[in-house]
Amino acid sequence: MSVKNISADELRNLIKTQRDKIEIIDVRQPEEAEIIRIKNSKLIPMNELQSRLNEIDFNKQVIFVCRSGSRSGMITSILSQMRKDVTNLEHGIYECFADGKGENLEIDESMIDRYFN
């Protein structure tokens, strides 16, 4: 299976129109998720993913996210080789924040500048 990538706009549209049909998996570290996260996403750090795959509902459209799209891209590549239907948020949470449309984000404003700079 090939890796599917979606943009921040496409993710926002899915959240708005098909929220109950998608599962967003954040593969960053807990301290990163405390600074900025997508509302209702599930945190499964990359280093825990193999032992926690059973927590993911692959009957839904599974979208992996990280800060820039690199870690989640690596994960989706591996899982697609395992014949899992998965999607990567291209450019990660950074794109969701950088475009100024953060309505689906929970943000610690006191830390956000340091996280992205």
C-alpha atoms as a PDB file:
ATOM      1  CA  MET A   1       0.000   0.000   0.000  1.00  0.00           C
ATOM      2  CA  SER A   2       1.215   3.503  -0.700  1.00  0.00           C
ATOM      3  CA  VAL A   3       1.449   6.218   1.924  1.00  0.00           C
ATOM      4  CA  LYS A   4      -1.309   8.802   1.736  1.00  0.00           C
ATOM      5  CA  ASN A   5      -0.530  12.367   2.775  1.00  0.00           C
ATOM      6  CA  ILE A   6      -3.072  15.020   3.646  1.00  0.00           C
ATOM      7  CA  SER A   7      -2.734  18.732   4.263  1.00  0.00           C
ATOM      8  CA  ALA A   8      -3.872  20.672   7.306  1.00  0.00           C
ATOM      9  CA  ASP A   9      -6.885  21.918   5.312  1.00  0.00           C
ATOM     10  CA  GLU A  10      -7.857  18.351   4.393  1.00  0.00           C
ATOM     11  CA  LEU A  11      -7.546  17.271   8.027  1.00  0.00           C
ATOM     12  CA  ARG A  12      -9.674  20.203   9.199  1.00  0.00           C
ATOM     13  CA  ASN A  13     -12.320  19.204   6.659  1.00  0.00           C
ATOM     14  CA  LEU A  14     -12.287  15.584   7.873  1.00  0.00           C
ATOM     15  CA  ILE A  15     -12.600  16.717  11.490  1.00  0.00           C
ATOM     16  CA  LYS A  16     -15.534  18.918  10.526  1.00  0.00           C
ATOM     17  CA  THR A  17     -17.382  16.429   8.306  1.00  0.00           C
ATOM     18  CA  GLN A  18     -16.341  12.924   9.392  1.00  0.00           C
ATOM     19  CA  ARG A  19     -15.037  13.198  12.957  1.00  0.00           C
ATOM     20  CA  ASP A  20     -16.520   9.853  14.010  1.00  0.00           C
ATOM     21  CA  LYS A  21     -14.876   8.078  11.052  1.00  0.00           C
ATOM     22  CA  ILE A  22     -11.289   9.167  11.710  1.00  0.00           C
ATOM     23  CA  GLU A  23      -8.738   8.409  14.394  1.00  0.00           C
ATOM     24  CA  ILE A  24      -5.864  10.845  14.885  1.00  0.00           C
ATOM     25  CA  ILE A  25      -2.731   9.329  16.399  1.00  0.00           C
ATOM     26  CA  ASP A  26      -0.072  11.726  17.678  1.00  0.00           C
ATOM     27  CA  VAL A  27       3.360  10.032  17.710  1.00  0.00           C
ATOM     28  CA  ARG A  28       5.233  12.838  19.492  1.00  0.00           C
ATOM     29  CA  GLN A  29       6.492  12.774  23.075  1.00  0.00           C
ATOM     30  CA  PRO A  30       4.144  13.712  25.959  1.00  0.00           C
ATOM     31  CA  GLU A  31       5.994  16.977  26.652  1.00  0.00           C
ATOM     32  CA  GLU A  32       5.412  18.051  23.036  1.00  0.00           C
ATOM     33  CA  ALA A  33       1.710  17.230  23.247  1.00  0.00           C
ATOM     34  CA  GLU A  34       1.421  19.388  26.374  1.00  0.00           C
ATOM     35  CA  ILE A  35       2.464  22.406  24.309  1.00  0.00           C
ATOM     36  CA  ILE A  36       0.236  21.879  21.282  1.00  0.00           C
ATOM     37  CA  ARG A  37      -2.076  19.056  20.263  1.00  0.00           C
ATOM     38  CA  ILE A  38      -4.983  18.351  17.964  1.00  0.00           C
ATOM     39  CA  LYS A  39      -8.184  18.107  19.976  1.00  0.00           C
ATOM     40  CA  ASN A  40      -9.389  14.537  20.514  1.00  0.00           C
ATOM     41  CA  SER A  41      -6.181  13.014  19.166  1.00  0.00           C
ATOM     42  CA  LYS A  42      -4.703   9.947  20.838  1.00  0.00           C
ATOM     43  CA  LEU A  43      -1.118  10.224  22.052  1.00  0.00           C
ATOM     44  CA  ILE A  44       0.953   7.120  21.318  1.00  0.00           C
ATOM     45  CA  PRO A  45       4.627   8.138  21.274  1.00  0.00           C
ATOM     46  CA  MET A  46       6.627   6.685  18.409  1.00  0.00           C
ATOM     47  CA  ASN A  47       8.747   4.520  20.718  1.00  0.00           C
ATOM     48  CA  GLU A  48       5.591   2.916  22.201  1.00  0.00           C
ATOM     49  CA  LEU A  49       3.719   2.373  18.959  1.00  0.00           C
ATOM     50  CA  GLN A  50       4.662  -1.247  18.324  1.00  0.00           C
ATOM     51  CA  SER A  51       3.408  -2.363  21.737  1.00  0.00           C
ATOM     52  CA  ARG A  52       0.250  -0.226  21.497  1.00  0.00           C
ATOM     53  CA  LEU A  53      -0.997  -0.955  17.957  1.00  0.00           C
ATOM     54  CA  ASN A  54      -4.005  -2.714  19.475  1.00  0.00           C
ATOM     55  CA  GLU A  55      -5.212   0.689  20.750  1.00  0.00           C
ATOM     56  CA  ILE A  56      -5.719   1.949  17.203  1.00  0.00           C
ATOM     57  CA  ASP A  57      -9.047   1.433  15.436  1.00  0.00           C
ATOM     58  CA  PHE A  58      -7.961   0.521  11.922  1.00  0.00           C
ATOM     59  CA  ASN A  59     -11.633   0.315  10.896  1.00  0.00           C
ATOM     60  CA  LYS A  60     -11.504   4.119  10.834  1.00  0.00           C
ATOM     61  CA  GLN A  61      -9.321   6.346   8.695  1.00  0.00           C
ATOM     62  CA  VAL A  62      -6.166   6.485  10.818  1.00  0.00           C
ATOM     63  CA  ILE A  63      -4.181   9.708  10.527  1.00  0.00           C
ATOM     64  CA  PHE A  64      -0.736   9.953  12.101  1.00  0.00           C
ATOM     65  CA  VAL A  65       0.643  13.326  13.148  1.00  0.00           C
ATOM     66  CA  CYS A  66       3.834  14.743  14.607  1.00  0.00           C
ATOM     67  CA  ARG A  67       5.506  18.167  14.693  1.00  0.00           C
ATOM     68  CA  SER A  68       6.660  18.348  11.074  1.00  0.00           C
ATOM     69  CA  GLY A  69       5.406  15.184   9.359  1.00  0.00           C
ATOM     70  CA  SER A  70       8.732  13.318   9.517  1.00  0.00           C
ATOM     71  CA  ARG A  71       8.066  10.879  12.369  1.00  0.00           C
ATOM     72  CA  SER A  72       4.478  10.303  11.315  1.00  0.00           C
ATOM     73  CA  GLY A  73       5.654   9.836   7.723  1.00  0.00           C
ATOM     74  CA  MET A  74       8.086   7.155   8.841  1.00  0.00           C
ATOM     75  CA  ILE A  75       5.351   5.404  10.847  1.00  0.00           C
ATOM     76  CA  THR A  76       2.847   5.484   7.986  1.00  0.00           C
ATOM     77  CA  SER A  77       5.474   4.098   5.631  1.00  0.00           C
ATOM     78  CA  ILE A  78       6.166   1.142   7.936  1.00  0.00           C
ATOM     79  CA  LEU A  79       2.480   0.467   8.610  1.00  0.00           C
ATOM     80  CA  SER A  80       1.537   0.693   4.950  1.00  0.00           C
ATOM     81  CA  GLN A  81       4.142  -1.999   4.258  1.00  0.00           C
ATOM     82  CA  MET A  82       2.274  -4.076   6.854  1.00  0.00           C
ATOM     83  CA  ARG A  83      -0.839  -3.564   4.696  1.00  0.00           C
ATOM     84  CA  LYS A  84      -2.442  -1.042   7.066  1.00  0.00           C
ATOM     85  CA  ASP A  85      -4.476   1.741   5.490  1.00  0.00           C
ATOM     86  CA  VAL A  86      -2.950   4.833   7.097  1.00  0.00           C
ATOM     87  CA  THR A  87      -2.564   8.535   6.372  1.00  0.00           C
ATOM     88  CA  ASN A  88       0.138  11.054   7.268  1.00  0.00           C
ATOM     89  CA  LEU A  89      -0.482  14.712   8.109  1.00  0.00           C
ATOM     90  CA  GLU A  90       2.028  16.232   5.727  1.00  0.00           C
ATOM     91  CA  HIS A  91       4.078  18.990   7.390  1.00  0.00           C
ATOM     92  CA  GLY A  92       2.579  17.984  10.752  1.00  0.00           C
ATOM     93  CA  ILE A  93       1.079  20.089  13.470  1.00  0.00           C
ATOM     94  CA  TYR A  94       3.457  22.868  12.466  1.00  0.00           C
ATOM     95  CA  GLU A  95       1.401  23.472   9.314  1.00  0.00           C
ATOM     96  CA  CYS A  96      -1.834  23.447  11.309  1.00  0.00           C
ATOM     97  CA  PHE A  97      -0.464  26.204  13.521  1.00  0.00           C
ATOM     98  CA  ALA A  98       1.570  28.161  10.983  1.00  0.00           C
ATOM     99  CA  ASP A  99      -1.404  28.920   8.764  1.00  0.00           C
ATOM    100  CA  GLY A 100      -3.220  30.634  11.646  1.00  0.00           C
ATOM    101  CA  LYS A 101      -6.227  28.303  11.573  1.00  0.00           C
ATOM    102  CA  GLY A 102      -5.868  26.577  14.912  1.00  0.00           C
ATOM    103  CA  GLU A 103      -9.505  25.999  15.831  1.00  0.00           C
ATOM    104  CA  ASN A 104      -8.845  22.255  16.240  1.00  0.00           C
ATOM    105  CA  LEU A 105      -5.790  22.747  18.420  1.00  0.00           C
ATOM    106  CA  GLU A 106      -5.206  22.957  22.145  1.00  0.00           C
ATOM    107  CA  ILE A 107      -2.255  25.286  22.704  1.00  0.00           C
ATOM    108  CA  ASP A 108      -0.123  26.353  25.670  1.00  0.00           C
ATOM    109  CA  GLU A 109       0.494  29.918  24.480  1.00  0.00           C
ATOM    110  CA  SER A 110       3.382  30.403  26.922  1.00  0.00           C
ATOM    111  CA  MET A 111       5.420  27.621  25.251  1.00  0.00           C
ATOM    112  CA  ILE A 112       4.368  27.737  21.607  1.00  0.00           C
ATOM    113  CA  ASP A 113       7.047  30.115  20.300  1.00  0.00           C
ATOM    114  CA  ARG A 114       9.823  28.032  21.803  1.00  0.00           C
ATOM    115  CA  TYR A 115       8.367  24.828  20.336  1.00  0.00           C
ATOM    116  CA  PHE A 116       8.334  26.056  16.736  1.00  0.00           C
ATOM    117  CA  ASN A 117      11.481  28.198  16.779  1.00  0.00           C
END
